[in-house]
Amino acid sequence: AGSANGAGSNAQFDFPAAVAFDTA
């Protein structure tokens, strides 16, 4: 768990709970 920004495994989340896409 973490809050790092980045690509692939360099990114970190802390219990991500939802995902959505916009029209773009």
PDBML (XML) file of the C-alpha atoms, coordinates in Angstrom:
<?xml version="1.0" encoding="UTF-8" ?>
<PDBx:datablock datablockName="MODEL"
   xmlns:PDBx="http://pdbml.pdb.org/schema/pdbx-v50.xsd"
   xmlns:xsi="http://www.w3.org/2001/XMLSchema-instance"
   xsi:schemaLocation="http://pdbml.pdb.org/schema/pdbx-v50.xsd pdbx-v50.xsd">
   <PDBx:atom_siteCategory>
      <PDBx:atom_site id="1">
         <PDBx:B_iso_or_equiv>0.00</PDBx:B_iso_or_equiv>
         <PDBx:Cartn_x>0.000</PDBx:Cartn_x>
         <PDBx:Cartn_y>0.000</PDBx:Cartn_y>
         <PDBx:Cartn_z>0.000</PDBx:Cartn_z>
         <PDBx:auth_asym_id>A</PDBx:auth_asym_id>
         <PDBx:auth_atom_id>CA</PDBx:auth_atom_id>
         <PDBx:auth_comp_id>ALA</PDBx:auth_comp_id>
         <PDBx:auth_seq_id>1</PDBx:auth_seq_id>
         <PDBx:group_PDB>ATOM</PDBx:group_PDB>
         <PDBx:label_alt_id xsi:nil="true" />
         <PDBx:label_asym_id>A</PDBx:label_asym_id>
         <PDBx:label_atom_id>CA</PDBx:label_atom_id>
         <PDBx:label_comp_id>ALA</PDBx:label_comp_id>
         <PDBx:label_entity_id>1</PDBx:label_entity_id>
         <PDBx:label_seq_id>1</PDBx:label_seq_id>
         <PDBx:occupancy>1.00</PDBx:occupancy>
         <PDBx:pdbx_PDB_model_num>1</PDBx:pdbx_PDB_model_num>
         <PDBx:type_symbol>C</PDBx:type_symbol>
      </PDBx:atom_site>
      <PDBx:atom_site id="2">
         <PDBx:B_iso_or_equiv>0.00</PDBx:B_iso_or_equiv>
         <PDBx:Cartn_x>1.260</PDBx:Cartn_x>
         <PDBx:Cartn_y>3.473</PDBx:Cartn_y>
         <PDBx:Cartn_z>-0.887</PDBx:Cartn_z>
         <PDBx:auth_asym_id>A</PDBx:auth_asym_id>
         <PDBx:auth_atom_id>CA</PDBx:auth_atom_id>
         <PDBx:auth_comp_id>GLY</PDBx:auth_comp_id>
         <PDBx:auth_seq_id>2</PDBx:auth_seq_id>
         <PDBx:group_PDB>ATOM</PDBx:group_PDB>
         <PDBx:label_alt_id xsi:nil="true" />
         <PDBx:label_asym_id>A</PDBx:label_asym_id>
         <PDBx:label_atom_id>CA</PDBx:label_atom_id>
         <PDBx:label_comp_id>GLY</PDBx:label_comp_id>
         <PDBx:label_entity_id>1</PDBx:label_entity_id>
         <PDBx:label_seq_id>2</PDBx:label_seq_id>
         <PDBx:occupancy>1.00</PDBx:occupancy>
         <PDBx:pdbx_PDB_model_num>1</PDBx:pdbx_PDB_model_num>
         <PDBx:type_symbol>C</PDBx:type_symbol>
      </PDBx:atom_site>
      <PDBx:atom_site id="3">
         <PDBx:B_iso_or_equiv>0.00</PDBx:B_iso_or_equiv>
         <PDBx:Cartn_x>0.464</PDBx:Cartn_x>
         <PDBx:Cartn_y>6.646</PDBx:Cartn_y>
         <PDBx:Cartn_z>-2.780</PDBx:Cartn_z>
         <PDBx:auth_asym_id>A</PDBx:auth_asym_id>
         <PDBx:auth_atom_id>CA</PDBx:auth_atom_id>
         <PDBx:auth_comp_id>SER</PDBx:auth_comp_id>
         <PDBx:auth_seq_id>3</PDBx:auth_seq_id>
         <PDBx:group_PDB>ATOM</PDBx:group_PDB>
         <PDBx:label_alt_id xsi:nil="true" />
         <PDBx:label_asym_id>A</PDBx:label_asym_id>
         <PDBx:label_atom_id>CA</PDBx:label_atom_id>
         <PDBx:label_comp_id>SER</PDBx:label_comp_id>
         <PDBx:label_entity_id>1</PDBx:label_entity_id>
         <PDBx:label_seq_id>3</PDBx:label_seq_id>
         <PDBx:occupancy>1.00</PDBx:occupancy>
         <PDBx:pdbx_PDB_model_num>1</PDBx:pdbx_PDB_model_num>
         <PDBx:type_symbol>C</PDBx:type_symbol>
      </PDBx:atom_site>
      <PDBx:atom_site id="4">
         <PDBx:B_iso_or_equiv>0.00</PDBx:B_iso_or_equiv>
         <PDBx:Cartn_x>3.282</PDBx:Cartn_x>
         <PDBx:Cartn_y>6.835</PDBx:Cartn_y>
         <PDBx:Cartn_z>-5.327</PDBx:Cartn_z>
         <PDBx:auth_asym_id>A</PDBx:auth_asym_id>
         <PDBx:auth_atom_id>CA</PDBx:auth_atom_id>
         <PDBx:auth_comp_id>ALA</PDBx:auth_comp_id>
         <PDBx:auth_seq_id>4</PDBx:auth_seq_id>
         <PDBx:group_PDB>ATOM</PDBx:group_PDB>
         <PDBx:label_alt_id xsi:nil="true" />
         <PDBx:label_asym_id>A</PDBx:label_asym_id>
         <PDBx:label_atom_id>CA</PDBx:label_atom_id>
         <PDBx:label_comp_id>ALA</PDBx:label_comp_id>
         <PDBx:label_entity_id>1</PDBx:label_entity_id>
         <PDBx:label_seq_id>4</PDBx:label_seq_id>
         <PDBx:occupancy>1.00</PDBx:occupancy>
         <PDBx:pdbx_PDB_model_num>1</PDBx:pdbx_PDB_model_num>
         <PDBx:type_symbol>C</PDBx:type_symbol>
      </PDBx:atom_site>
      <PDBx:atom_site id="5">
         <PDBx:B_iso_or_equiv>0.00</PDBx:B_iso_or_equiv>
         <PDBx:Cartn_x>2.575</PDBx:Cartn_x>
         <PDBx:Cartn_y>8.069</PDBx:Cartn_y>
         <PDBx:Cartn_z>-8.831</PDBx:Cartn_z>
         <PDBx:auth_asym_id>A</PDBx:auth_asym_id>
         <PDBx:auth_atom_id>CA</PDBx:auth_atom_id>
         <PDBx:auth_comp_id>ASN</PDBx:auth_comp_id>
         <PDBx:auth_seq_id>5</PDBx:auth_seq_id>
         <PDBx:group_PDB>ATOM</PDBx:group_PDB>
         <PDBx:label_alt_id xsi:nil="true" />
         <PDBx:label_asym_id>A</PDBx:label_asym_id>
         <PDBx:label_atom_id>CA</PDBx:label_atom_id>
         <PDBx:label_comp_id>ASN</PDBx:label_comp_id>
         <PDBx:label_entity_id>1</PDBx:label_entity_id>
         <PDBx:label_seq_id>5</PDBx:label_seq_id>
         <PDBx:occupancy>1.00</PDBx:occupancy>
         <PDBx:pdbx_PDB_model_num>1</PDBx:pdbx_PDB_model_num>
         <PDBx:type_symbol>C</PDBx:type_symbol>
      </PDBx:atom_site>
      <PDBx:atom_site id="6">
         <PDBx:B_iso_or_equiv>0.00</PDBx:B_iso_or_equiv>
         <PDBx:Cartn_x>4.162</PDBx:Cartn_x>
         <PDBx:Cartn_y>6.308</PDBx:Cartn_y>
         <PDBx:Cartn_z>-11.789</PDBx:Cartn_z>
         <PDBx:auth_asym_id>A</PDBx:auth_asym_id>
         <PDBx:auth_atom_id>CA</PDBx:auth_atom_id>
         <PDBx:auth_comp_id>GLY</PDBx:auth_comp_id>
         <PDBx:auth_seq_id>6</PDBx:auth_seq_id>
         <PDBx:group_PDB>ATOM</PDBx:group_PDB>
         <PDBx:label_alt_id xsi:nil="true" />
         <PDBx:label_asym_id>A</PDBx:label_asym_id>
         <PDBx:label_atom_id>CA</PDBx:label_atom_id>
         <PDBx:label_comp_id>GLY</PDBx:label_comp_id>
         <PDBx:label_entity_id>1</PDBx:label_entity_id>
         <PDBx:label_seq_id>6</PDBx:label_seq_id>
         <PDBx:occupancy>1.00</PDBx:occupancy>
         <PDBx:pdbx_PDB_model_num>1</PDBx:pdbx_PDB_model_num>
         <PDBx:type_symbol>C</PDBx:type_symbol>
      </PDBx:atom_site>
      <PDBx:atom_site id="7">
         <PDBx:B_iso_or_equiv>0.00</PDBx:B_iso_or_equiv>
         <PDBx:Cartn_x>3.819</PDBx:Cartn_x>
         <PDBx:Cartn_y>3.675</PDBx:Cartn_y>
         <PDBx:Cartn_z>-14.470</PDBx:Cartn_z>
         <PDBx:auth_asym_id>A</PDBx:auth_asym_id>
         <PDBx:auth_atom_id>CA</PDBx:auth_atom_id>
         <PDBx:auth_comp_id>ALA</PDBx:auth_comp_id>
         <PDBx:auth_seq_id>7</PDBx:auth_seq_id>
         <PDBx:group_PDB>ATOM</PDBx:group_PDB>
         <PDBx:label_alt_id xsi:nil="true" />
         <PDBx:label_asym_id>A</PDBx:label_asym_id>
         <PDBx:label_atom_id>CA</PDBx:label_atom_id>
         <PDBx:label_comp_id>ALA</PDBx:label_comp_id>
         <PDBx:label_entity_id>1</PDBx:label_entity_id>
         <PDBx:label_seq_id>7</PDBx:label_seq_id>
         <PDBx:occupancy>1.00</PDBx:occupancy>
         <PDBx:pdbx_PDB_model_num>1</PDBx:pdbx_PDB_model_num>
         <PDBx:type_symbol>C</PDBx:type_symbol>
      </PDBx:atom_site>
      <PDBx:atom_site id="8">
         <PDBx:B_iso_or_equiv>0.00</PDBx:B_iso_or_equiv>
         <PDBx:Cartn_x>2.984</PDBx:Cartn_x>
         <PDBx:Cartn_y>0.041</PDBx:Cartn_y>
         <PDBx:Cartn_z>-13.843</PDBx:Cartn_z>
         <PDBx:auth_asym_id>A</PDBx:auth_asym_id>
         <PDBx:auth_atom_id>CA</PDBx:auth_atom_id>
         <PDBx:auth_comp_id>GLY</PDBx:auth_comp_id>
         <PDBx:auth_seq_id>8</PDBx:auth_seq_id>
         <PDBx:group_PDB>ATOM</PDBx:group_PDB>
         <PDBx:label_alt_id xsi:nil="true" />
         <PDBx:label_asym_id>A</PDBx:label_asym_id>
         <PDBx:label_atom_id>CA</PDBx:label_atom_id>
         <PDBx:label_comp_id>GLY</PDBx:label_comp_id>
         <PDBx:label_entity_id>1</PDBx:label_entity_id>
         <PDBx:label_seq_id>8</PDBx:label_seq_id>
         <PDBx:occupancy>1.00</PDBx:occupancy>
         <PDBx:pdbx_PDB_model_num>1</PDBx:pdbx_PDB_model_num>
         <PDBx:type_symbol>C</PDBx:type_symbol>
      </PDBx:atom_site>
      <PDBx:atom_site id="9">
         <PDBx:B_iso_or_equiv>0.00</PDBx:B_iso_or_equiv>
         <PDBx:Cartn_x>4.415</PDBx:Cartn_x>
         <PDBx:Cartn_y>-1.272</PDBx:Cartn_y>
         <PDBx:Cartn_z>-10.579</PDBx:Cartn_z>
         <PDBx:auth_asym_id>A</PDBx:auth_asym_id>
         <PDBx:auth_atom_id>CA</PDBx:auth_atom_id>
         <PDBx:auth_comp_id>SER</PDBx:auth_comp_id>
         <PDBx:auth_seq_id>9</PDBx:auth_seq_id>
         <PDBx:group_PDB>ATOM</PDBx:group_PDB>
         <PDBx:label_alt_id xsi:nil="true" />
         <PDBx:label_asym_id>A</PDBx:label_asym_id>
         <PDBx:label_atom_id>CA</PDBx:label_atom_id>
         <PDBx:label_comp_id>SER</PDBx:label_comp_id>
         <PDBx:label_entity_id>1</PDBx:label_entity_id>
         <PDBx:label_seq_id>9</PDBx:label_seq_id>
         <PDBx:occupancy>1.00</PDBx:occupancy>
         <PDBx:pdbx_PDB_model_num>1</PDBx:pdbx_PDB_model_num>
         <PDBx:type_symbol>C</PDBx:type_symbol>
      </PDBx:atom_site>
      <PDBx:atom_site id="10">
         <PDBx:B_iso_or_equiv>0.00</PDBx:B_iso_or_equiv>
         <PDBx:Cartn_x>5.900</PDBx:Cartn_x>
         <PDBx:Cartn_y>2.142</PDBx:Cartn_y>
         <PDBx:Cartn_z>-9.786</PDBx:Cartn_z>
         <PDBx:auth_asym_id>A</PDBx:auth_asym_id>
         <PDBx:auth_atom_id>CA</PDBx:auth_atom_id>
         <PDBx:auth_comp_id>ASN</PDBx:auth_comp_id>
         <PDBx:auth_seq_id>10</PDBx:auth_seq_id>
         <PDBx:group_PDB>ATOM</PDBx:group_PDB>
         <PDBx:label_alt_id xsi:nil="true" />
         <PDBx:label_asym_id>A</PDBx:label_asym_id>
         <PDBx:label_atom_id>CA</PDBx:label_atom_id>
         <PDBx:label_comp_id>ASN</PDBx:label_comp_id>
         <PDBx:label_entity_id>1</PDBx:label_entity_id>
         <PDBx:label_seq_id>10</PDBx:label_seq_id>
         <PDBx:occupancy>1.00</PDBx:occupancy>
         <PDBx:pdbx_PDB_model_num>1</PDBx:pdbx_PDB_model_num>
         <PDBx:type_symbol>C</PDBx:type_symbol>
      </PDBx:atom_site>
      <PDBx:atom_site id="11">
         <PDBx:B_iso_or_equiv>0.00</PDBx:B_iso_or_equiv>
         <PDBx:Cartn_x>2.377</PDBx:Cartn_x>
         <PDBx:Cartn_y>3.331</PDBx:Cartn_y>
         <PDBx:Cartn_z>-9.009</PDBx:Cartn_z>
         <PDBx:auth_asym_id>A</PDBx:auth_asym_id>
         <PDBx:auth_atom_id>CA</PDBx:auth_atom_id>
         <PDBx:auth_comp_id>ALA</PDBx:auth_comp_id>
         <PDBx:auth_seq_id>11</PDBx:auth_seq_id>
         <PDBx:group_PDB>ATOM</PDBx:group_PDB>
         <PDBx:label_alt_id xsi:nil="true" />
         <PDBx:label_asym_id>A</PDBx:label_asym_id>
         <PDBx:label_atom_id>CA</PDBx:label_atom_id>
         <PDBx:label_comp_id>ALA</PDBx:label_comp_id>
         <PDBx:label_entity_id>1</PDBx:label_entity_id>
         <PDBx:label_seq_id>11</PDBx:label_seq_id>
         <PDBx:occupancy>1.00</PDBx:occupancy>
         <PDBx:pdbx_PDB_model_num>1</PDBx:pdbx_PDB_model_num>
         <PDBx:type_symbol>C</PDBx:type_symbol>
      </PDBx:atom_site>
      <PDBx:atom_site id="12">
         <PDBx:B_iso_or_equiv>0.00</PDBx:B_iso_or_equiv>
         <PDBx:Cartn_x>0.942</PDBx:Cartn_x>
         <PDBx:Cartn_y>2.476</PDBx:Cartn_y>
         <PDBx:Cartn_z>-5.616</PDBx:Cartn_z>
         <PDBx:auth_asym_id>A</PDBx:auth_asym_id>
         <PDBx:auth_atom_id>CA</PDBx:auth_atom_id>
         <PDBx:auth_comp_id>GLN</PDBx:auth_comp_id>
         <PDBx:auth_seq_id>12</PDBx:auth_seq_id>
         <PDBx:group_PDB>ATOM</PDBx:group_PDB>
         <PDBx:label_alt_id xsi:nil="true" />
         <PDBx:label_asym_id>A</PDBx:label_asym_id>
         <PDBx:label_atom_id>CA</PDBx:label_atom_id>
         <PDBx:label_comp_id>GLN</PDBx:label_comp_id>
         <PDBx:label_entity_id>1</PDBx:label_entity_id>
         <PDBx:label_seq_id>12</PDBx:label_seq_id>
         <PDBx:occupancy>1.00</PDBx:occupancy>
         <PDBx:pdbx_PDB_model_num>1</PDBx:pdbx_PDB_model_num>
         <PDBx:type_symbol>C</PDBx:type_symbol>
      </PDBx:atom_site>
      <PDBx:atom_site id="13">
         <PDBx:B_iso_or_equiv>0.00</PDBx:B_iso_or_equiv>
         <PDBx:Cartn_x>-2.595</PDBx:Cartn_x>
         <PDBx:Cartn_y>2.427</PDBx:Cartn_y>
         <PDBx:Cartn_z>-4.222</PDBx:Cartn_z>
         <PDBx:auth_asym_id>A</PDBx:auth_asym_id>
         <PDBx:auth_atom_id>CA</PDBx:auth_atom_id>
         <PDBx:auth_comp_id>PHE</PDBx:auth_comp_id>
         <PDBx:auth_seq_id>13</PDBx:auth_seq_id>
         <PDBx:group_PDB>ATOM</PDBx:group_PDB>
         <PDBx:label_alt_id xsi:nil="true" />
         <PDBx:label_asym_id>A</PDBx:label_asym_id>
         <PDBx:label_atom_id>CA</PDBx:label_atom_id>
         <PDBx:label_comp_id>PHE</PDBx:label_comp_id>
         <PDBx:label_entity_id>1</PDBx:label_entity_id>
         <PDBx:label_seq_id>13</PDBx:label_seq_id>
         <PDBx:occupancy>1.00</PDBx:occupancy>
         <PDBx:pdbx_PDB_model_num>1</PDBx:pdbx_PDB_model_num>
         <PDBx:type_symbol>C</PDBx:type_symbol>
      </PDBx:atom_site>
      <PDBx:atom_site id="14">
         <PDBx:B_iso_or_equiv>0.00</PDBx:B_iso_or_equiv>
         <PDBx:Cartn_x>-4.149</PDBx:Cartn_x>
         <PDBx:Cartn_y>2.083</PDBx:Cartn_y>
         <PDBx:Cartn_z>-0.774</PDBx:Cartn_z>
         <PDBx:auth_asym_id>A</PDBx:auth_asym_id>
         <PDBx:auth_atom_id>CA</PDBx:auth_atom_id>
         <PDBx:auth_comp_id>ASP</PDBx:auth_comp_id>
         <PDBx:auth_seq_id>14</PDBx:auth_seq_id>
         <PDBx:group_PDB>ATOM</PDBx:group_PDB>
         <PDBx:label_alt_id xsi:nil="true" />
         <PDBx:label_asym_id>A</PDBx:label_asym_id>
         <PDBx:label_atom_id>CA</PDBx:label_atom_id>
         <PDBx:label_comp_id>ASP</PDBx:label_comp_id>
         <PDBx:label_entity_id>1</PDBx:label_entity_id>
         <PDBx:label_seq_id>14</PDBx:label_seq_id>
         <PDBx:occupancy>1.00</PDBx:occupancy>
         <PDBx:pdbx_PDB_model_num>1</PDBx:pdbx_PDB_model_num>
         <PDBx:type_symbol>C</PDBx:type_symbol>
      </PDBx:atom_site>
      <PDBx:atom_site id="15">
         <PDBx:B_iso_or_equiv>0.00</PDBx:B_iso_or_equiv>
         <PDBx:Cartn_x>-7.264</PDBx:Cartn_x>
         <PDBx:Cartn_y>-0.077</PDBx:Cartn_y>
         <PDBx:Cartn_z>-1.154</PDBx:Cartn_z>
         <PDBx:auth_asym_id>A</PDBx:auth_asym_id>
         <PDBx:auth_atom_id>CA</PDBx:auth_atom_id>
         <PDBx:auth_comp_id>PHE</PDBx:auth_comp_id>
         <PDBx:auth_seq_id>15</PDBx:auth_seq_id>
         <PDBx:group_PDB>ATOM</PDBx:group_PDB>
         <PDBx:label_alt_id xsi:nil="true" />
         <PDBx:label_asym_id>A</PDBx:label_asym_id>
         <PDBx:label_atom_id>CA</PDBx:label_atom_id>
         <PDBx:label_comp_id>PHE</PDBx:label_comp_id>
         <PDBx:label_entity_id>1</PDBx:label_entity_id>
         <PDBx:label_seq_id>15</PDBx:label_seq_id>
         <PDBx:occupancy>1.00</PDBx:occupancy>
         <PDBx:pdbx_PDB_model_num>1</PDBx:pdbx_PDB_model_num>
         <PDBx:type_symbol>C</PDBx:type_symbol>
      </PDBx:atom_site>
      <PDBx:atom_site id="16">
         <PDBx:B_iso_or_equiv>0.00</PDBx:B_iso_or_equiv>
         <PDBx:Cartn_x>-8.491</PDBx:Cartn_x>
         <PDBx:Cartn_y>1.124</PDBx:Cartn_y>
         <PDBx:Cartn_z>-4.540</PDBx:Cartn_z>
         <PDBx:auth_asym_id>A</PDBx:auth_asym_id>
         <PDBx:auth_atom_id>CA</PDBx:auth_atom_id>
         <PDBx:auth_comp_id>PRO</PDBx:auth_comp_id>
         <PDBx:auth_seq_id>16</PDBx:auth_seq_id>
         <PDBx:group_PDB>ATOM</PDBx:group_PDB>
         <PDBx:label_alt_id xsi:nil="true" />
         <PDBx:label_asym_id>A</PDBx:label_asym_id>
         <PDBx:label_atom_id>CA</PDBx:label_atom_id>
         <PDBx:label_comp_id>PRO</PDBx:label_comp_id>
         <PDBx:label_entity_id>1</PDBx:label_entity_id>
         <PDBx:label_seq_id>16</PDBx:label_seq_id>
         <PDBx:occupancy>1.00</PDBx:occupancy>
         <PDBx:pdbx_PDB_model_num>1</PDBx:pdbx_PDB_model_num>
         <PDBx:type_symbol>C</PDBx:type_symbol>
      </PDBx:atom_site>
      <PDBx:atom_site id="17">
         <PDBx:B_iso_or_equiv>0.00</PDBx:B_iso_or_equiv>
         <PDBx:Cartn_x>-12.251</PDBx:Cartn_x>
         <PDBx:Cartn_y>0.549</PDBx:Cartn_y>
         <PDBx:Cartn_z>-4.575</PDBx:Cartn_z>
         <PDBx:auth_asym_id>A</PDBx:auth_asym_id>
         <PDBx:auth_atom_id>CA</PDBx:auth_atom_id>
         <PDBx:auth_comp_id>ALA</PDBx:auth_comp_id>
         <PDBx:auth_seq_id>17</PDBx:auth_seq_id>
         <PDBx:group_PDB>ATOM</PDBx:group_PDB>
         <PDBx:label_alt_id xsi:nil="true" />
         <PDBx:label_asym_id>A</PDBx:label_asym_id>
         <PDBx:label_atom_id>CA</PDBx:label_atom_id>
         <PDBx:label_comp_id>ALA</PDBx:label_comp_id>
         <PDBx:label_entity_id>1</PDBx:label_entity_id>
         <PDBx:label_seq_id>17</PDBx:label_seq_id>
         <PDBx:occupancy>1.00</PDBx:occupancy>
         <PDBx:pdbx_PDB_model_num>1</PDBx:pdbx_PDB_model_num>
         <PDBx:type_symbol>C</PDBx:type_symbol>
      </PDBx:atom_site>
      <PDBx:atom_site id="18">
         <PDBx:B_iso_or_equiv>0.00</PDBx:B_iso_or_equiv>
         <PDBx:Cartn_x>-13.746</PDBx:Cartn_x>
         <PDBx:Cartn_y>1.698</PDBx:Cartn_y>
         <PDBx:Cartn_z>-7.891</PDBx:Cartn_z>
         <PDBx:auth_asym_id>A</PDBx:auth_asym_id>
         <PDBx:auth_atom_id>CA</PDBx:auth_atom_id>
         <PDBx:auth_comp_id>ALA</PDBx:auth_comp_id>
         <PDBx:auth_seq_id>18</PDBx:auth_seq_id>
         <PDBx:group_PDB>ATOM</PDBx:group_PDB>
         <PDBx:label_alt_id xsi:nil="true" />
         <PDBx:label_asym_id>A</PDBx:label_asym_id>
         <PDBx:label_atom_id>CA</PDBx:label_atom_id>
         <PDBx:label_comp_id>ALA</PDBx:label_comp_id>
         <PDBx:label_entity_id>1</PDBx:label_entity_id>
         <PDBx:label_seq_id>18</PDBx:label_seq_id>
         <PDBx:occupancy>1.00</PDBx:occupancy>
         <PDBx:pdbx_PDB_model_num>1</PDBx:pdbx_PDB_model_num>
         <PDBx:type_symbol>C</PDBx:type_symbol>
      </PDBx:atom_site>
      <PDBx:atom_site id="19">
         <PDBx:B_iso_or_equiv>0.00</PDBx:B_iso_or_equiv>
         <PDBx:Cartn_x>-12.721</PDBx:Cartn_x>
         <PDBx:Cartn_y>2.320</PDBx:Cartn_y>
         <PDBx:Cartn_z>-11.493</PDBx:Cartn_z>
         <PDBx:auth_asym_id>A</PDBx:auth_asym_id>
         <PDBx:auth_atom_id>CA</PDBx:auth_atom_id>
         <PDBx:auth_comp_id>VAL</PDBx:auth_comp_id>
         <PDBx:auth_seq_id>19</PDBx:auth_seq_id>
         <PDBx:group_PDB>ATOM</PDBx:group_PDB>
         <PDBx:label_alt_id xsi:nil="true" />
         <PDBx:label_asym_id>A</PDBx:label_asym_id>
         <PDBx:label_atom_id>CA</PDBx:label_atom_id>
         <PDBx:label_comp_id>VAL</PDBx:label_comp_id>
         <PDBx:label_entity_id>1</PDBx:label_entity_id>
         <PDBx:label_seq_id>19</PDBx:label_seq_id>
         <PDBx:occupancy>1.00</PDBx:occupancy>
         <PDBx:pdbx_PDB_model_num>1</PDBx:pdbx_PDB_model_num>
         <PDBx:type_symbol>C</PDBx:type_symbol>
      </PDBx:atom_site>
      <PDBx:atom_site id="20">
         <PDBx:B_iso_or_equiv>0.00</PDBx:B_iso_or_equiv>
         <PDBx:Cartn_x>-14.462</PDBx:Cartn_x>
         <PDBx:Cartn_y>4.160</PDBx:Cartn_y>
         <PDBx:Cartn_z>-14.337</PDBx:Cartn_z>
         <PDBx:auth_asym_id>A</PDBx:auth_asym_id>
         <PDBx:auth_atom_id>CA</PDBx:auth_atom_id>
         <PDBx:auth_comp_id>ALA</PDBx:auth_comp_id>
         <PDBx:auth_seq_id>20</PDBx:auth_seq_id>
         <PDBx:group_PDB>ATOM</PDBx:group_PDB>
         <PDBx:label_alt_id xsi:nil="true" />
         <PDBx:label_asym_id>A</PDBx:label_asym_id>
         <PDBx:label_atom_id>CA</PDBx:label_atom_id>
         <PDBx:label_comp_id>ALA</PDBx:label_comp_id>
         <PDBx:label_entity_id>1</PDBx:label_entity_id>
         <PDBx:label_seq_id>20</PDBx:label_seq_id>
         <PDBx:occupancy>1.00</PDBx:occupancy>
         <PDBx:pdbx_PDB_model_num>1</PDBx:pdbx_PDB_model_num>
         <PDBx:type_symbol>C</PDBx:type_symbol>
      </PDBx:atom_site>
      <PDBx:atom_site id="21">
         <PDBx:B_iso_or_equiv>0.00</PDBx:B_iso_or_equiv>
         <PDBx:Cartn_x>-13.759</PDBx:Cartn_x>
         <PDBx:Cartn_y>5.654</PDBx:Cartn_y>
         <PDBx:Cartn_z>-17.763</PDBx:Cartn_z>
         <PDBx:auth_asym_id>A</PDBx:auth_asym_id>
         <PDBx:auth_atom_id>CA</PDBx:auth_atom_id>
         <PDBx:auth_comp_id>PHE</PDBx:auth_comp_id>
         <PDBx:auth_seq_id>21</PDBx:auth_seq_id>
         <PDBx:group_PDB>ATOM</PDBx:group_PDB>
         <PDBx:label_alt_id xsi:nil="true" />
         <PDBx:label_asym_id>A</PDBx:label_asym_id>
         <PDBx:label_atom_id>CA</PDBx:label_atom_id>
         <PDBx:label_comp_id>PHE</PDBx:label_comp_id>
         <PDBx:label_entity_id>1</PDBx:label_entity_id>
         <PDBx:label_seq_id>21</PDBx:label_seq_id>
         <PDBx:occupancy>1.00</PDBx:occupancy>
         <PDBx:pdbx_PDB_model_num>1</PDBx:pdbx_PDB_model_num>
         <PDBx:type_symbol>C</PDBx:type_symbol>
      </PDBx:atom_site>
      <PDBx:atom_site id="22">
         <PDBx:B_iso_or_equiv>0.00</PDBx:B_iso_or_equiv>
         <PDBx:Cartn_x>-14.863</PDBx:Cartn_x>
         <PDBx:Cartn_y>8.922</PDBx:Cartn_y>
         <PDBx:Cartn_z>-19.329</PDBx:Cartn_z>
         <PDBx:auth_asym_id>A</PDBx:auth_asym_id>
         <PDBx:auth_atom_id>CA</PDBx:auth_atom_id>
         <PDBx:auth_comp_id>ASP</PDBx:auth_comp_id>
         <PDBx:auth_seq_id>22</PDBx:auth_seq_id>
         <PDBx:group_PDB>ATOM</PDBx:group_PDB>
         <PDBx:label_alt_id xsi:nil="true" />
         <PDBx:label_asym_id>A</PDBx:label_asym_id>
         <PDBx:label_atom_id>CA</PDBx:label_atom_id>
         <PDBx:label_comp_id>ASP</PDBx:label_comp_id>
         <PDBx:label_entity_id>1</PDBx:label_entity_id>
         <PDBx:label_seq_id>22</PDBx:label_seq_id>
         <PDBx:occupancy>1.00</PDBx:occupancy>
         <PDBx:pdbx_PDB_model_num>1</PDBx:pdbx_PDB_model_num>
         <PDBx:type_symbol>C</PDBx:type_symbol>
      </PDBx:atom_site>
      <PDBx:atom_site id="23">
         <PDBx:B_iso_or_equiv>0.00</PDBx:B_iso_or_equiv>
         <PDBx:Cartn_x>-15.893</PDBx:Cartn_x>
         <PDBx:Cartn_y>9.347</PDBx:Cartn_y>
         <PDBx:Cartn_z>-22.969</PDBx:Cartn_z>
         <PDBx:auth_asym_id>A</PDBx:auth_asym_id>
         <PDBx:auth_atom_id>CA</PDBx:auth_atom_id>
         <PDBx:auth_comp_id>THR</PDBx:auth_comp_id>
         <PDBx:auth_seq_id>23</PDBx:auth_seq_id>
         <PDBx:group_PDB>ATOM</PDBx:group_PDB>
         <PDBx:label_alt_id xsi:nil="true" />
         <PDBx:label_asym_id>A</PDBx:label_asym_id>
         <PDBx:label_atom_id>CA</PDBx:label_atom_id>
         <PDBx:label_comp_id>THR</PDBx:label_comp_id>
         <PDBx:label_entity_id>1</PDBx:label_entity_id>
         <PDBx:label_seq_id>23</PDBx:label_seq_id>
         <PDBx:occupancy>1.00</PDBx:occupancy>
         <PDBx:pdbx_PDB_model_num>1</PDBx:pdbx_PDB_model_num>
         <PDBx:type_symbol>C</PDBx:type_symbol>
      </PDBx:atom_site>
      <PDBx:atom_site id="24">
         <PDBx:B_iso_or_equiv>0.00</PDBx:B_iso_or_equiv>
         <PDBx:Cartn_x>-12.347</PDBx:Cartn_x>
         <PDBx:Cartn_y>10.431</PDBx:Cartn_y>
         <PDBx:Cartn_z>-23.883</PDBx:Cartn_z>
         <PDBx:auth_asym_id>A</PDBx:auth_asym_id>
         <PDBx:auth_atom_id>CA</PDBx:auth_atom_id>
         <PDBx:auth_comp_id>ALA</PDBx:auth_comp_id>
         <PDBx:auth_seq_id>24</PDBx:auth_seq_id>
         <PDBx:group_PDB>ATOM</PDBx:group_PDB>
         <PDBx:label_alt_id xsi:nil="true" />
         <PDBx:label_asym_id>A</PDBx:label_asym_id>
         <PDBx:label_atom_id>CA</PDBx:label_atom_id>
         <PDBx:label_comp_id>ALA</PDBx:label_comp_id>
         <PDBx:label_entity_id>1</PDBx:label_entity_id>
         <PDBx:label_seq_id>24</PDBx:label_seq_id>
         <PDBx:occupancy>1.00</PDBx:occupancy>
         <PDBx:pdbx_PDB_model_num>1</PDBx:pdbx_PDB_model_num>
         <PDBx:type_symbol>C</PDBx:type_symbol>
      </PDBx:atom_site>
   </PDBx:atom_siteCategory>
</PDBx:datablock>
